[in-house]
Amino acid sequence: MHELAITEAVIELINREARDKGFGKVLGISLRVGEYSGIIPECIREFFPIAARDSIAREAELEIVTVPAVFRCLDCGYEGAADRRAACCPRCKSREIRMCSGREFYVDSLKVE
């Protein structure tokens, strides 16, 4: 249920930008949501009309792009998906892996008038 609060925070951010930059209507919003961000894109989509109903973004088209998780192996240098079951590098089987991307959540772009 925290997605409602997150969606409301996105709308507040957009309203602030509108005041600062002087635009009057939002036609499109593009979000980037990391695979391991803990945010469920379907819930954001569901709550968006509720959060945006009294804002300049009420008619905006919402695009959500999922950012896949990318891991880097500290032993062999591999970068890419990791073996999720074993939590290790698929190339050398090392457990010395670090997440490089996949936790993101941000407004990537706005289409405005």
PDB file of N, CA and C in Angstrom:
ATOM      1  N   MET A   1       0.818  -1.204   0.000  1.00  0.00           N
ATOM      2  CA  MET A   1       0.000   0.000   0.000  1.00  0.00           C
ATOM      3  C   MET A   1       0.856   1.260   0.000  1.00  0.00           C
ATOM      4  N   HIS A   2       2.189   1.126   0.214  1.00  0.00           N
ATOM      5  CA  HIS A   2       3.034   2.313   0.195  1.00  0.00           C
ATOM      6  C   HIS A   2       3.105   2.929  -1.196  1.00  0.00           C
ATOM      7  N   GLU A   3       2.666   2.203  -2.229  1.00  0.00           N
ATOM      8  CA  GLU A   3       2.673   2.749  -3.582  1.00  0.00           C
ATOM      9  C   GLU A   3       1.751   3.961  -3.720  1.00  0.00           C
ATOM     10  N   LEU A   4       0.659   4.017  -2.953  1.00  0.00           N
ATOM     11  CA  LEU A   4      -0.202   5.198  -2.997  1.00  0.00           C
ATOM     12  C   LEU A   4       0.573   6.415  -2.511  1.00  0.00           C
ATOM     13  N   ALA A   5       1.271   6.290  -1.403  1.00  0.00           N
ATOM     14  CA  ALA A   5       2.063   7.408  -0.872  1.00  0.00           C
ATOM     15  C   ALA A   5       3.179   7.792  -1.848  1.00  0.00           C
ATOM     16  N   ILE A   6       3.784   6.814  -2.477  1.00  0.00           N
ATOM     17  CA  ILE A   6       4.840   7.082  -3.452  1.00  0.00           C
ATOM     18  C   ILE A   6       4.262   7.814  -4.664  1.00  0.00           C
ATOM     19  N   THR A   7       3.114   7.362  -5.141  1.00  0.00           N
ATOM     20  CA  THR A   7       2.466   7.996  -6.286  1.00  0.00           C
ATOM     21  C   THR A   7       2.072   9.435  -5.932  1.00  0.00           C
ATOM     22  N   GLU A   8       1.556   9.653  -4.748  1.00  0.00           N
ATOM     23  CA  GLU A   8       1.216  11.013  -4.306  1.00  0.00           C
ATOM     24  C   GLU A   8       2.460  11.889  -4.243  1.00  0.00           C
ATOM     25  N   ALA A   9       3.584  11.312  -3.805  1.00  0.00           N
ATOM     26  CA  ALA A   9       4.835  12.075  -3.745  1.00  0.00           C
ATOM     27  C   ALA A   9       5.312  12.459  -5.148  1.00  0.00           C
ATOM     28  N   VAL A  10       5.129  11.576  -6.121  1.00  0.00           N
ATOM     29  CA  VAL A  10       5.481  11.896  -7.511  1.00  0.00           C
ATOM     30  C   VAL A  10       4.629  13.062  -8.005  1.00  0.00           C
ATOM     31  N   ILE A  11       3.337  13.033  -7.713  1.00  0.00           N
ATOM     32  CA  ILE A  11       2.442  14.124  -8.127  1.00  0.00           C
ATOM     33  C   ILE A  11       2.845  15.435  -7.453  1.00  0.00           C
ATOM     34  N   GLU A  12       3.199  15.384  -6.179  1.00  0.00           N
ATOM     35  CA  GLU A  12       3.662  16.591  -5.483  1.00  0.00           C
ATOM     36  C   GLU A  12       4.922  17.144  -6.137  1.00  0.00           C
ATOM     37  N   LEU A  13       5.842  16.275  -6.508  1.00  0.00           N
ATOM     38  CA  LEU A  13       7.063  16.682  -7.183  1.00  0.00           C
ATOM     39  C   LEU A  13       6.746  17.362  -8.511  1.00  0.00           C
ATOM     40  N   ILE A  14       5.825  16.774  -9.260  1.00  0.00           N
ATOM     41  CA  ILE A  14       5.425  17.353 -10.547  1.00  0.00           C
ATOM     42  C   ILE A  14       4.754  18.708 -10.352  1.00  0.00           C
ATOM     43  N   ASN A  15       3.905  18.829  -9.355  1.00  0.00           N
ATOM     44  CA  ASN A  15       3.253  20.117  -9.065  1.00  0.00           C
ATOM     45  C   ASN A  15       4.284  21.189  -8.702  1.00  0.00           C
ATOM     46  N   ARG A  16       5.305  20.804  -7.932  1.00  0.00           N
ATOM     47  CA  ARG A  16       6.383  21.740  -7.584  1.00  0.00           C
ATOM     48  C   ARG A  16       7.137  22.192  -8.837  1.00  0.00           C
ATOM     49  N   GLU A  17       7.447  21.231  -9.702  1.00  0.00           N
ATOM     50  CA  GLU A  17       8.136  21.560 -10.956  1.00  0.00           C
ATOM     51  C   GLU A  17       7.292  22.506 -11.806  1.00  0.00           C
ATOM     52  N   ALA A  18       5.990  22.260 -11.834  1.00  0.00           N
ATOM     53  CA  ALA A  18       5.090  23.125 -12.610  1.00  0.00           C
ATOM     54  C   ALA A  18       5.133  24.551 -12.083  1.00  0.00           C
ATOM     55  N   ARG A  19       5.109  24.702 -10.765  1.00  0.00           N
ATOM     56  CA  ARG A  19       5.190  26.045 -10.172  1.00  0.00           C
ATOM     57  C   ARG A  19       6.536  26.694 -10.491  1.00  0.00           C
ATOM     58  N   ASP A  20       7.615  25.920 -10.367  1.00  0.00           N
ATOM     59  CA  ASP A  20       8.961  26.469 -10.591  1.00  0.00           C
ATOM     60  C   ASP A  20       9.231  26.792 -12.060  1.00  0.00           C
ATOM     61  N   LYS A  21       8.739  25.952 -12.947  1.00  0.00           N
ATOM     62  CA  LYS A  21       9.058  26.100 -14.378  1.00  0.00           C
ATOM     63  C   LYS A  21       7.946  26.783 -15.172  1.00  0.00           C
ATOM     64  N   GLY A  22       6.753  26.891 -14.587  1.00  0.00           N
ATOM     65  CA  GLY A  22       5.680  27.635 -15.217  1.00  0.00           C
ATOM     66  C   GLY A  22       4.865  26.899 -16.271  1.00  0.00           C
ATOM     67  N   PHE A  23       4.847  25.599 -16.247  1.00  0.00           N
ATOM     68  CA  PHE A  23       3.969  24.903 -17.195  1.00  0.00           C
ATOM     69  C   PHE A  23       2.619  24.640 -16.554  1.00  0.00           C
ATOM     70  N   GLY A  24       1.588  24.486 -17.384  1.00  0.00           N
ATOM     71  CA  GLY A  24       0.231  24.401 -16.872  1.00  0.00           C
ATOM     72  C   GLY A  24      -0.444  23.051 -16.993  1.00  0.00           C
ATOM     73  N   LYS A  25       0.157  22.147 -17.776  1.00  0.00           N
ATOM     74  CA  LYS A  25      -0.481  20.851 -17.975  1.00  0.00           C
ATOM     75  C   LYS A  25       0.592  19.797 -18.239  1.00  0.00           C
ATOM     76  N   VAL A  26       0.380  18.613 -17.663  1.00  0.00           N
ATOM     77  CA  VAL A  26       1.279  17.488 -17.902  1.00  0.00           C
ATOM     78  C   VAL A  26       0.560  16.500 -18.807  1.00  0.00           C
ATOM     79  N   LEU A  27       1.180  16.212 -19.946  1.00  0.00           N
ATOM     80  CA  LEU A  27       0.597  15.288 -20.918  1.00  0.00           C
ATOM     81  C   LEU A  27       1.132  13.867 -20.754  1.00  0.00           C
ATOM     82  N   GLY A  28       2.351  13.755 -20.259  1.00  0.00           N
ATOM     83  CA  GLY A  28       2.957  12.433 -20.109  1.00  0.00           C
ATOM     84  C   GLY A  28       3.989  12.419 -19.002  1.00  0.00           C
ATOM     85  N   ILE A  29       4.078  11.280 -18.340  1.00  0.00           N
ATOM     86  CA  ILE A  29       5.042  11.075 -17.264  1.00  0.00           C
ATOM     87  C   ILE A  29       5.729   9.743 -17.532  1.00  0.00           C
ATOM     88  N   SER A  30       7.052   9.759 -17.506  1.00  0.00           N
ATOM     89  CA  SER A  30       7.816   8.533 -17.677  1.00  0.00           C
ATOM     90  C   SER A  30       8.575   8.255 -16.384  1.00  0.00           C
ATOM     91  N   LEU A  31       8.313   7.110 -15.786  1.00  0.00           N
ATOM     92  CA  LEU A  31       8.982   6.688 -14.557  1.00  0.00           C
ATOM     93  C   LEU A  31       9.926   5.540 -14.855  1.00  0.00           C
ATOM     94  N   ARG A  32      11.016   5.466 -14.110  1.00  0.00           N
ATOM     95  CA  ARG A  32      11.922   4.317 -14.145  1.00  0.00           C
ATOM     96  C   ARG A  32      11.842   3.644 -12.785  1.00  0.00           C
ATOM     97  N   VAL A  33      11.551   2.349 -12.808  1.00  0.00           N
ATOM     98  CA  VAL A  33      11.377   1.579 -11.572  1.00  0.00           C
ATOM     99  C   VAL A  33      12.303   0.369 -11.625  1.00  0.00           C
ATOM    100  N   GLY A  34      13.238   0.309 -10.714  1.00  0.00           N
ATOM    101  CA  GLY A  34      14.176  -0.805 -10.656  1.00  0.00           C
ATOM    102  C   GLY A  34      13.498  -2.097 -10.243  1.00  0.00           C
ATOM    103  N   GLU A  35      13.993  -3.177 -10.815  1.00  0.00           N
ATOM    104  CA  GLU A  35      13.464  -4.513 -10.546  1.00  0.00           C
ATOM    105  C   GLU A  35      13.506  -4.839  -9.046  1.00  0.00           C
ATOM    106  N   TYR A  36      14.514  -4.328  -8.327  1.00  0.00           N
ATOM    107  CA  TYR A  36      14.659  -4.578  -6.895  1.00  0.00           C
ATOM    108  C   TYR A  36      14.343  -3.337  -6.060  1.00  0.00           C
ATOM    109  N   SER A  37      13.552  -2.422  -6.595  1.00  0.00           N
ATOM    110  CA  SER A  37      13.238  -1.185  -5.869  1.00  0.00           C
ATOM    111  C   SER A  37      12.230  -1.404  -4.739  1.00  0.00           C
ATOM    112  N   GLY A  38      11.497  -2.494  -4.820  1.00  0.00           N
ATOM    113  CA  GLY A  38      10.444  -2.727  -3.829  1.00  0.00           C
ATOM    114  C   GLY A  38       9.132  -2.057  -4.207  1.00  0.00           C
ATOM    115  N   ILE A  39       9.090  -1.456  -5.380  1.00  0.00           N
ATOM    116  CA  ILE A  39       7.894  -0.768  -5.855  1.00  0.00           C
ATOM    117  C   ILE A  39       7.234  -1.620  -6.928  1.00  0.00           C
ATOM    118  N   ILE A  40       5.935  -1.766  -6.822  1.00  0.00           N
ATOM    119  CA  ILE A  40       5.183  -2.592  -7.766  1.00  0.00           C
ATOM    120  C   ILE A  40       4.553  -1.675  -8.818  1.00  0.00           C
ATOM    121  N   PRO A  41       5.055  -1.750 -10.059  1.00  0.00           N
ATOM    122  CA  PRO A  41       4.545  -0.852 -11.107  1.00  0.00           C
ATOM    123  C   PRO A  41       3.035  -0.925 -11.301  1.00  0.00           C
ATOM    124  N   GLU A  42       2.448  -2.092 -11.201  1.00  0.00           N
ATOM    125  CA  GLU A  42       1.001  -2.224 -11.385  1.00  0.00           C
ATOM    126  C   GLU A  42       0.236  -1.418 -10.340  1.00  0.00           C
ATOM    127  N   CYS A  43       0.755  -1.364  -9.130  1.00  0.00           N
ATOM    128  CA  CYS A  43       0.101  -0.574  -8.071  1.00  0.00           C
ATOM    129  C   CYS A  43       0.231   0.923  -8.356  1.00  0.00           C
ATOM    130  N   ILE A  44       1.383   1.348  -8.865  1.00  0.00           N
ATOM    131  CA  ILE A  44       1.553   2.752  -9.242  1.00  0.00           C
ATOM    132  C   ILE A  44       0.513   3.116 -10.306  1.00  0.00           C
ATOM    133  N   ARG A  45       0.364   2.239 -11.299  1.00  0.00           N
ATOM    134  CA  ARG A  45      -0.631   2.485 -12.357  1.00  0.00           C
ATOM    135  C   ARG A  45      -2.044   2.571 -11.776  1.00  0.00           C
ATOM    136  N   GLU A  46      -2.341   1.691 -10.839  1.00  0.00           N
ATOM    137  CA  GLU A  46      -3.679   1.657 -10.236  1.00  0.00           C
ATOM    138  C   GLU A  46      -3.960   2.919  -9.412  1.00  0.00           C
ATOM    139  N   PHE A  47      -2.953   3.388  -8.673  1.00  0.00           N
ATOM    140  CA  PHE A  47      -3.148   4.541  -7.798  1.00  0.00           C
ATOM    141  C   PHE A  47      -2.977   5.877  -8.508  1.00  0.00           C
ATOM    142  N   PHE A  48      -2.381   5.877  -9.693  1.00  0.00           N
ATOM    143  CA  PHE A  48      -2.117   7.131 -10.390  1.00  0.00           C
ATOM    144  C   PHE A  48      -3.366   7.986 -10.596  1.00  0.00           C
ATOM    145  N   PRO A  49      -4.475   7.426 -11.105  1.00  0.00           N
ATOM    146  CA  PRO A  49      -5.664   8.277 -11.289  1.00  0.00           C
ATOM    147  C   PRO A  49      -6.176   8.896  -9.991  1.00  0.00           C
ATOM    148  N   ILE A  50      -6.026   8.180  -8.896  1.00  0.00           N
ATOM    149  CA  ILE A  50      -6.464   8.694  -7.592  1.00  0.00           C
ATOM    150  C   ILE A  50      -5.559   9.846  -7.150  1.00  0.00           C
ATOM    151  N   ALA A  51      -4.252   9.637  -7.245  1.00  0.00           N
ATOM    152  CA  ALA A  51      -3.296  10.649  -6.793  1.00  0.00           C
ATOM    153  C   ALA A  51      -3.308  11.890  -7.677  1.00  0.00           C
ATOM    154  N   ALA A  52      -3.566  11.702  -8.969  1.00  0.00           N
ATOM    155  CA  ALA A  52      -3.476  12.813  -9.923  1.00  0.00           C
ATOM    156  C   ALA A  52      -4.794  13.532 -10.175  1.00  0.00           C
ATOM    157  N   ARG A  53      -5.881  13.063  -9.615  1.00  0.00           N
ATOM    158  CA  ARG A  53      -7.213  13.569 -10.000  1.00  0.00           C
ATOM    159  C   ARG A  53      -7.401  15.074  -9.840  1.00  0.00           C
ATOM    160  N   ASP A  54      -6.772  15.697  -8.855  1.00  0.00           N
ATOM    161  CA  ASP A  54      -6.928  17.141  -8.658  1.00  0.00           C
ATOM    162  C   ASP A  54      -5.656  17.912  -9.020  1.00  0.00           C
ATOM    163  N   SER A  55      -4.856  17.342  -9.902  1.00  0.00           N
ATOM    164  CA  SER A  55      -3.581  17.978 -10.240  1.00  0.00           C
ATOM    165  C   SER A  55      -3.511  18.279 -11.734  1.00  0.00           C
ATOM    166  N   ILE A  56      -2.443  18.950 -12.129  1.00  0.00           N
ATOM    167  CA  ILE A  56      -2.236  19.242 -13.546  1.00  0.00           C
ATOM    168  C   ILE A  56      -1.849  17.996 -14.332  1.00  0.00           C
ATOM    169  N   ALA A  57      -1.642  16.894 -13.642  1.00  0.00           N
ATOM    170  CA  ALA A  57      -1.271  15.633 -14.300  1.00  0.00           C
ATOM    171  C   ALA A  57      -2.457  14.681 -14.448  1.00  0.00           C
ATOM    172  N   ARG A  58      -3.661  15.160 -14.176  1.00  0.00           N
ATOM    173  CA  ARG A  58      -4.831  14.270 -14.157  1.00  0.00           C
ATOM    174  C   ARG A  58      -5.103  13.592 -15.498  1.00  0.00           C
ATOM    175  N   GLU A  59      -4.703  14.201 -16.610  1.00  0.00           N
ATOM    176  CA  GLU A  59      -4.934  13.621 -17.930  1.00  0.00           C
ATOM    177  C   GLU A  59      -3.659  13.029 -18.535  1.00  0.00           C
ATOM    178  N   ALA A  60      -2.601  13.002 -17.762  1.00  0.00           N
ATOM    179  CA  ALA A  60      -1.308  12.545 -18.279  1.00  0.00           C
ATOM    180  C   ALA A  60      -1.303  11.047 -18.552  1.00  0.00           C
ATOM    181  N   GLU A  61      -0.559  10.700 -19.586  1.00  0.00           N
ATOM    182  CA  GLU A  61      -0.330   9.296 -19.887  1.00  0.00           C
ATOM    183  C   GLU A  61       0.885   8.855 -19.069  1.00  0.00           C
ATOM    184  N   LEU A  62       0.748   7.753 -18.371  1.00  0.00           N
ATOM    185  CA  LEU A  62       1.807   7.261 -17.496  1.00  0.00           C
ATOM    186  C   LEU A  62       2.553   6.126 -18.173  1.00  0.00           C
ATOM    187  N   GLU A  63       3.865   6.276 -18.280  1.00  0.00           N
ATOM    188  CA  GLU A  63       4.735   5.219 -18.803  1.00  0.00           C
ATOM    189  C   GLU A  63       5.647   4.775 -17.666  1.00  0.00           C
ATOM    190  N   ILE A  64       5.716   3.473 -17.441  1.00  0.00           N
ATOM    191  CA  ILE A  64       6.605   2.937 -16.418  1.00  0.00           C
ATOM    192  C   ILE A  64       7.534   1.939 -17.093  1.00  0.00           C
ATOM    193  N   VAL A  65       8.831   2.218 -16.986  1.00  0.00           N
ATOM    194  CA  VAL A  65       9.842   1.344 -17.555  1.00  0.00           C
ATOM    195  C   VAL A  65      10.562   0.648 -16.402  1.00  0.00           C
ATOM    196  N   THR A  66      10.598  -0.667 -16.453  1.00  0.00           N
ATOM    197  CA  THR A  66      11.292  -1.439 -15.429  1.00  0.00           C
ATOM    198  C   THR A  66      12.775  -1.520 -15.776  1.00  0.00           C
ATOM    199  N   VAL A  67      13.611  -1.173 -14.809  1.00  0.00           N
ATOM    200  CA  VAL A  67      15.059  -1.235 -14.977  1.00  0.00           C
ATOM    201  C   VAL A  67      15.527  -2.575 -14.421  1.00  0.00           C
ATOM    202  N   PRO A  68      16.094  -3.427 -15.278  1.00  0.00           N
ATOM    203  CA  PRO A  68      16.517  -4.742 -14.797  1.00  0.00           C
ATOM    204  C   PRO A  68      17.712  -4.644 -13.852  1.00  0.00           C
ATOM    205  N   ALA A  69      17.817  -5.604 -12.982  1.00  0.00           N
ATOM    206  CA  ALA A  69      18.944  -5.656 -12.059  1.00  0.00           C
ATOM    207  C   ALA A  69      20.198  -6.098 -12.813  1.00  0.00           C
ATOM    208  N   VAL A  70      21.281  -5.380 -12.565  1.00  0.00           N
ATOM    209  CA  VAL A  70      22.581  -5.724 -13.129  1.00  0.00           C
ATOM    210  C   VAL A  70      23.556  -5.859 -11.961  1.00  0.00           C
ATOM    211  N   PHE A  71      24.269  -6.964 -11.955  1.00  0.00           N
ATOM    212  CA  PHE A  71      25.239  -7.243 -10.904  1.00  0.00           C
ATOM    213  C   PHE A  71      26.640  -7.273 -11.497  1.00  0.00           C
ATOM    214  N   ARG A  72      27.625  -6.926 -10.676  1.00  0.00           N
ATOM    215  CA  ARG A  72      29.027  -6.996 -11.079  1.00  0.00           C
ATOM    216  C   ARG A  72      29.721  -7.960 -10.143  1.00  0.00           C
ATOM    217  N   CYS A  73      30.441  -8.892 -10.748  1.00  0.00           N
ATOM    218  CA  CYS A  73      31.221  -9.844  -9.967  1.00  0.00           C
ATOM    219  C   CYS A  73      32.564  -9.214  -9.632  1.00  0.00           C
ATOM    220  N   LEU A  74      32.905  -9.172  -8.361  1.00  0.00           N
ATOM    221  CA  LEU A  74      34.158  -8.565  -7.936  1.00  0.00           C
ATOM    222  C   LEU A  74      35.353  -9.481  -8.207  1.00  0.00           C
ATOM    223  N   ASP A  75      35.098 -10.748  -8.507  1.00  0.00           N
ATOM    224  CA  ASP A  75      36.187 -11.683  -8.783  1.00  0.00           C
ATOM    225  C   ASP A  75      36.536 -11.765 -10.265  1.00  0.00           C
ATOM    226  N   CYS A  76      35.552 -11.933 -11.135  1.00  0.00           N
ATOM    227  CA  CYS A  76      35.859 -12.123 -12.567  1.00  0.00           C
ATOM    228  C   CYS A  76      35.479 -10.933 -13.439  1.00  0.00           C
ATOM    229  N   GLY A  77      34.751  -9.935 -12.897  1.00  0.00           N
ATOM    230  CA  GLY A  77      34.395  -8.747 -13.656  1.00  0.00           C
ATOM    231  C   GLY A  77      33.110  -8.859 -14.463  1.00  0.00           C
ATOM    232  N   TYR A  78      32.457  -9.997 -14.413  1.00  0.00           N
ATOM    233  CA  TYR A  78      31.189 -10.178 -15.127  1.00  0.00           C
ATOM    234  C   TYR A  78      30.193  -9.099 -14.707  1.00  0.00           C
ATOM    235  N   GLU A  79      29.424  -8.590 -15.671  1.00  0.00           N
ATOM    236  CA  GLU A  79      28.312  -7.689 -15.371  1.00  0.00           C
ATOM    237  C   GLU A  79      27.083  -8.183 -16.095  1.00  0.00           C
ATOM    238  N   GLY A  80      25.991  -8.318 -15.361  1.00  0.00           N
ATOM    239  CA  GLY A  80      24.736  -8.766 -15.936  1.00  0.00           C
ATOM    240  C   GLY A  80      23.856  -9.364 -14.867  1.00  0.00           C
ATOM    241  N   ALA A  81      22.952 -10.210 -15.298  1.00  0.00           N
ATOM    242  CA  ALA A  81      22.044 -10.868 -14.352  1.00  0.00           C
ATOM    243  C   ALA A  81      22.830 -11.868 -13.508  1.00  0.00           C
ATOM    244  N   ALA A  82      22.374 -12.057 -12.284  1.00  0.00           N
ATOM    245  CA  ALA A  82      23.011 -13.019 -11.389  1.00  0.00           C
ATOM    246  C   ALA A  82      22.120 -14.244 -11.247  1.00  0.00           C
ATOM    247  N   ASP A  83      22.708 -15.322 -10.805  1.00  0.00           N
ATOM    248  CA  ASP A  83      21.955 -16.531 -10.499  1.00  0.00           C
ATOM    249  C   ASP A  83      21.184 -16.252  -9.213  1.00  0.00           C
ATOM    250  N   ARG A  84      19.882 -16.053  -9.328  1.00  0.00           N
ATOM    251  CA  ARG A  84      19.075 -15.633  -8.178  1.00  0.00           C
ATOM    252  C   ARG A  84      18.947 -16.711  -7.112  1.00  0.00           C
ATOM    253  N   ARG A  85      18.830 -17.938  -7.531  1.00  0.00           N
ATOM    254  CA  ARG A  85      18.698 -19.020  -6.538  1.00  0.00           C
ATOM    255  C   ARG A  85      19.954 -19.176  -5.703  1.00  0.00           C
ATOM    256  N   ALA A  86      21.093 -19.151  -6.370  1.00  0.00           N
ATOM    257  CA  ALA A  86      22.358 -19.353  -5.665  1.00  0.00           C
ATOM    258  C   ALA A  86      22.977 -18.033  -5.198  1.00  0.00           C
ATOM    259  N   ALA A  87      22.428 -16.902  -5.649  1.00  0.00           N
ATOM    260  CA  ALA A  87      22.951 -15.571  -5.318  1.00  0.00           C
ATOM    261  C   ALA A  87      24.447 -15.506  -5.608  1.00  0.00           C
ATOM    262  N   CYS A  88      24.787 -15.873  -6.856  1.00  0.00           N
ATOM    263  CA  CYS A  88      26.189 -15.870  -7.229  1.00  0.00           C
ATOM    264  C   CYS A  88      26.359 -15.481  -8.693  1.00  0.00           C
ATOM    265  N   CYS A  89      27.611 -15.284  -9.074  1.00  0.00           N
ATOM    266  CA  CYS A  89      27.954 -14.963 -10.456  1.00  0.00           C
ATOM    267  C   CYS A  89      27.689 -16.191 -11.326  1.00  0.00           C
ATOM    268  N   PRO A  90      26.976 -16.025 -12.437  1.00  0.00           N
ATOM    269  CA  PRO A  90      26.703 -17.186 -13.288  1.00  0.00           C
ATOM    270  C   PRO A  90      27.945 -17.681 -14.030  1.00  0.00           C
ATOM    271  N   ARG A  91      28.970 -16.842 -14.132  1.00  0.00           N
ATOM    272  CA  ARG A  91      30.182 -17.236 -14.845  1.00  0.00           C
ATOM    273  C   ARG A  91      31.148 -18.017 -13.958  1.00  0.00           C
ATOM    274  N   CYS A  92      31.503 -17.449 -12.794  1.00  0.00           N
ATOM    275  CA  CYS A  92      32.539 -18.082 -11.959  1.00  0.00           C
ATOM    276  C   CYS A  92      32.006 -18.640 -10.639  1.00  0.00           C
ATOM    277  N   LYS A  93      30.701 -18.432 -10.391  1.00  0.00           N
ATOM    278  CA  LYS A  93      30.010 -18.907  -9.177  1.00  0.00           C
ATOM    279  C   LYS A  93      30.441 -18.202  -7.893  1.00  0.00           C
ATOM    280  N   SER A  94      31.157 -17.094  -8.025  1.00  0.00           N
ATOM    281  CA  SER A  94      31.547 -16.317  -6.850  1.00  0.00           C
ATOM    282  C   SER A  94      30.312 -15.686  -6.215  1.00  0.00           C
ATOM    283  N   ARG A  95      30.345 -15.551  -4.910  1.00  0.00           N
ATOM    284  CA  ARG A  95      29.280 -14.845  -4.191  1.00  0.00           C
ATOM    285  C   ARG A  95      29.656 -13.375  -3.951  1.00  0.00           C
ATOM    286  N   GLU A  96      30.790 -12.970  -4.469  1.00  0.00           N
ATOM    287  CA  GLU A  96      31.247 -11.583  -4.340  1.00  0.00           C
ATOM    288  C   GLU A  96      30.662 -10.753  -5.478  1.00  0.00           C
ATOM    289  N   ILE A  97      29.373 -10.520  -5.398  1.00  0.00           N
ATOM    290  CA  ILE A  97      28.685  -9.736  -6.419  1.00  0.00           C
ATOM    291  C   ILE A  97      28.066  -8.502  -5.782  1.00  0.00           C
ATOM    292  N   ARG A  98      28.001  -7.434  -6.556  1.00  0.00           N
ATOM    293  CA  ARG A  98      27.398  -6.182  -6.099  1.00  0.00           C
ATOM    294  C   ARG A  98      26.391  -5.717  -7.137  1.00  0.00           C
ATOM    295  N   MET A  99      25.279  -5.178  -6.664  1.00  0.00           N
ATOM    296  CA  MET A  99      24.260  -4.664  -7.566  1.00  0.00           C
ATOM    297  C   MET A  99      24.688  -3.301  -8.099  1.00  0.00           C
ATOM    298  N   CYS A 100      24.689  -3.167  -9.428  1.00  0.00           N
ATOM    299  CA  CYS A 100      25.039  -1.903 -10.092  1.00  0.00           C
ATOM    300  C   CYS A 100      23.791  -1.097 -10.435  1.00  0.00           C
ATOM    301  N   SER A 101      22.711  -1.776 -10.761  1.00  0.00           N
ATOM    302  CA  SER A 101      21.450  -1.110 -11.055  1.00  0.00           C
ATOM    303  C   SER A 101      20.313  -2.071 -10.735  1.00  0.00           C
ATOM    304  N   GLY A 102      19.135  -1.486 -10.591  1.00  0.00           N
ATOM    305  CA  GLY A 102      17.966  -2.300 -10.272  1.00  0.00           C
ATOM    306  C   GLY A 102      17.195  -1.820  -9.062  1.00  0.00           C
ATOM    307  N   ARG A 103      17.725  -0.815  -8.366  1.00  0.00           N
ATOM    308  CA  ARG A 103      17.021  -0.256  -7.195  1.00  0.00           C
ATOM    309  C   ARG A 103      16.431   1.117  -7.482  1.00  0.00           C
ATOM    310  N   GLU A 104      16.564   1.590  -8.701  1.00  0.00           N
ATOM    311  CA  GLU A 104      16.157   2.940  -9.058  1.00  0.00           C
ATOM    312  C   GLU A 104      14.649   3.159  -8.928  1.00  0.00           C
ATOM    313  N   PHE A 105      14.300   4.390  -8.666  1.00  0.00           N
ATOM    314  CA  PHE A 105      12.927   4.863  -8.815  1.00  0.00           C
ATOM    315  C   PHE A 105      13.005   6.366  -9.000  1.00  0.00           C
ATOM    316  N   TYR A 106      12.657   6.818 -10.207  1.00  0.00           N
ATOM    317  CA  TYR A 106      12.720   8.252 -10.462  1.00  0.00           C
ATOM    318  C   TYR A 106      11.831   8.635 -11.638  1.00  0.00           C
ATOM    319  N   VAL A 107      11.512   9.931 -11.680  1.00  0.00           N
ATOM    320  CA  VAL A 107      10.793  10.493 -12.820  1.00  0.00           C
ATOM    321  C   VAL A 107      11.849  10.749 -13.879  1.00  0.00           C
ATOM    322  N   ASP A 108      11.737  10.050 -15.003  1.00  0.00           N
ATOM    323  CA  ASP A 108      12.725  10.176 -16.063  1.00  0.00           C
ATOM    324  C   ASP A 108      12.428  11.385 -16.944  1.00  0.00           C
ATOM    325  N   SER A 109      11.144  11.593 -17.275  1.00  0.00           N
ATOM    326  CA  SER A 109      10.806  12.744 -18.108  1.00  0.00           C
ATOM    327  C   SER A 109       9.328  13.102 -17.962  1.00  0.00           C
ATOM    328  N   LEU A 110       9.053  14.338 -18.332  1.00  0.00           N
ATOM    329  CA  LEU A 110       7.682  14.857 -18.362  1.00  0.00           C
ATOM    330  C   LEU A 110       7.427  15.453 -19.732  1.00  0.00           C
ATOM    331  N   LYS A 111       6.227  15.253 -20.239  1.00  0.00           N
ATOM    332  CA  LYS A 111       5.782  15.939 -21.447  1.00  0.00           C
ATOM    333  C   LYS A 111       4.767  16.960 -20.977  1.00  0.00           C
ATOM    334  N   VAL A 112       5.038  18.238 -21.230  1.00  0.00           N
ATOM    335  CA  VAL A 112       4.217  19.310 -20.662  1.00  0.00           C
ATOM    336  C   VAL A 112       3.803  20.327 -21.710  1.00  0.00           C
ATOM    337  N   GLU A 113       2.793  21.130 -21.372  1.00  0.00           N
ATOM    338  CA  GLU A 113       2.367  22.287 -22.181  1.00  0.00           C
ATOM    339  C   GLU A 113       2.471  23.518 -21.324  1.00  0.00           C
TER     340      GLU A 113
END
